[in-house]
């Protein structure tokens, strides 16, 4: 159980948000995560996990230790263009359309 809390805490640190602010943003009682961390409850509800996963744009599986890679739109932009290149919405849209074209062309 602490493993999941540690991941949530790590995501908070990476995103420069406190656990309390996360709970406020996700409409989760702060006591829920405190009770989970302290072992007073054995698991988080699916609803709570979904809210947290959605907030951080990760899968619920990541929070449960099943997924180890977080891929965000920003990470893809940096991988393709570098972190100092300003990718406009128009460029991003065109890139997404091209990726869809390739998926259809090659049947993936």
Protein backbone atom coordinates (compact mmCIF):
# COMPACT_ATOMS: atom_id res chain seq x y z
CA UNK A 1 0.00 0.00 0.00
CA UNK A 2 2.82 2.42 0.74
CA UNK A 3 4.14 1.80 -2.78
CA UNK A 4 1.06 3.43 -4.34
CA UNK A 5 1.24 6.35 -1.91
CA UNK A 6 4.93 6.76 -2.75
CA UNK A 7 4.10 6.95 -6.46
CA UNK A 8 1.42 9.57 -5.80
CA UNK A 9 3.86 11.53 -3.67
CA UNK A 10 6.51 11.28 -6.39
CA UNK A 11 4.06 12.52 -9.03
CA UNK A 12 3.14 15.43 -6.76
CA UNK A 13 6.79 16.38 -6.36
CA UNK A 14 7.43 16.18 -10.12
CA UNK A 15 4.40 18.36 -10.76
CA UNK A 16 5.20 20.76 -7.91
CA UNK A 17 1.93 20.21 -6.09
CA UNK A 18 1.29 19.11 -2.52
CA UNK A 19 -0.77 16.05 -1.59
CA UNK A 20 -3.25 18.44 0.02
CA UNK A 21 -3.58 20.48 -3.17
CA UNK A 22 -3.98 17.28 -5.20
CA UNK A 23 -6.81 16.17 -2.95
CA UNK A 24 -8.48 19.56 -3.26
CA UNK A 25 -8.14 19.53 -7.08
CA UNK A 26 -9.48 15.98 -7.34
CA UNK A 27 -12.22 16.42 -4.73
CA UNK A 28 -10.76 13.65 -2.56
CA UNK A 29 -10.80 13.98 1.23
CA UNK A 30 -7.23 14.51 2.44
CA UNK A 31 -7.92 12.01 5.19
CA UNK A 32 -8.33 9.28 2.54
CA UNK A 33 -4.68 9.45 1.52
CA UNK A 34 -3.51 9.94 5.09
CA UNK A 35 -5.47 6.88 6.23
CA UNK A 36 -4.08 4.91 3.29
CA UNK A 37 -0.50 5.93 4.06
CA UNK A 38 -0.92 5.06 7.74
CA UNK A 39 -2.51 1.67 6.95
CA UNK A 40 -5.89 2.51 8.45
CA UNK A 41 -7.43 1.61 5.09
CA UNK A 42 -5.99 -1.16 2.93
CA UNK A 43 -6.77 0.19 -0.54
CA UNK A 44 -7.97 3.22 -2.43
CA UNK A 45 -11.27 3.08 -4.27
CA UNK A 46 -11.31 2.80 -8.04
CA UNK A 47 -12.91 6.25 -8.14
CA UNK A 48 -10.06 7.77 -6.12
CA UNK A 49 -7.40 6.06 -8.22
CA UNK A 50 -9.11 7.22 -11.43
CA UNK A 51 -9.27 10.82 -10.23
CA UNK A 52 -5.58 10.81 -9.33
CA UNK A 53 -4.56 9.05 -12.55
CA UNK A 54 -6.60 11.51 -14.62
CA UNK A 55 -5.09 14.47 -12.81
CA UNK A 56 -1.55 13.33 -13.60
CA UNK A 57 -2.44 11.98 -17.05
CA UNK A 58 -1.26 8.47 -16.21
CA UNK A 59 -3.05 5.15 -16.26
CA UNK A 60 -4.45 3.60 -13.11
CA UNK A 61 -2.08 0.72 -13.85
CA UNK A 62 0.85 3.06 -13.38
CA UNK A 63 -0.37 3.93 -9.89
CA UNK A 64 -0.67 0.22 -9.14
CA UNK A 65 2.85 -0.50 -10.37
CA UNK A 66 1.88 -2.14 -13.66
CA UNK A 67 3.04 0.63 -15.99
CA UNK A 68 6.45 2.19 -15.64
CA UNK A 69 6.54 4.79 -18.39
CA UNK A 70 4.63 8.04 -18.41
CA UNK A 71 4.25 9.41 -21.91
CA UNK A 72 2.80 12.87 -22.15
CA UNK A 73 2.18 15.05 -25.18
CA UNK A 74 4.99 17.32 -23.98
CA UNK A 75 7.38 14.36 -23.71
CA UNK A 76 6.62 13.37 -27.31
CA UNK A 77 7.19 16.96 -28.48
CA UNK A 78 10.54 17.08 -26.70
CA UNK A 79 11.55 13.68 -28.11
CA UNK A 80 10.69 14.74 -31.66
CA UNK A 81 11.76 18.38 -31.69
CA UNK A 82 13.95 18.99 -28.64
CA UNK A 83 13.06 20.96 -25.58
CA UNK A 84 13.90 24.36 -27.04
CA UNK A 85 11.67 24.07 -30.13
CA UNK A 86 8.27 25.73 -29.94
CA UNK A 87 5.70 23.34 -31.47
CA UNK A 88 2.58 25.21 -32.53
CA UNK A 89 -0.89 23.69 -32.26
CA UNK A 90 -1.02 23.57 -36.06
CA UNK A 91 2.25 21.63 -36.24
CA UNK A 92 1.10 19.22 -33.53
CA UNK A 93 -2.21 18.64 -35.31
CA UNK A 94 -0.44 17.96 -38.60
CA UNK A 95 1.93 15.52 -36.88
CA UNK A 96 -1.02 13.68 -35.28
CA UNK A 97 -2.78 13.44 -38.66
CA UNK A 98 0.39 12.05 -40.23
CA UNK A 99 0.73 9.47 -37.47
CA UNK A 100 -2.89 8.42 -38.04
CA UNK A 101 -2.18 8.15 -41.78
CA UNK A 102 0.79 5.87 -41.09
CA UNK A 103 -1.27 3.69 -38.74
CA UNK A 104 -3.93 3.24 -41.41
CA UNK A 105 -1.40 2.66 -44.19
CA UNK A 106 0.49 -0.03 -42.30
CA UNK A 107 -2.50 -1.56 -40.54
CA UNK A 108 -1.39 -0.95 -36.96
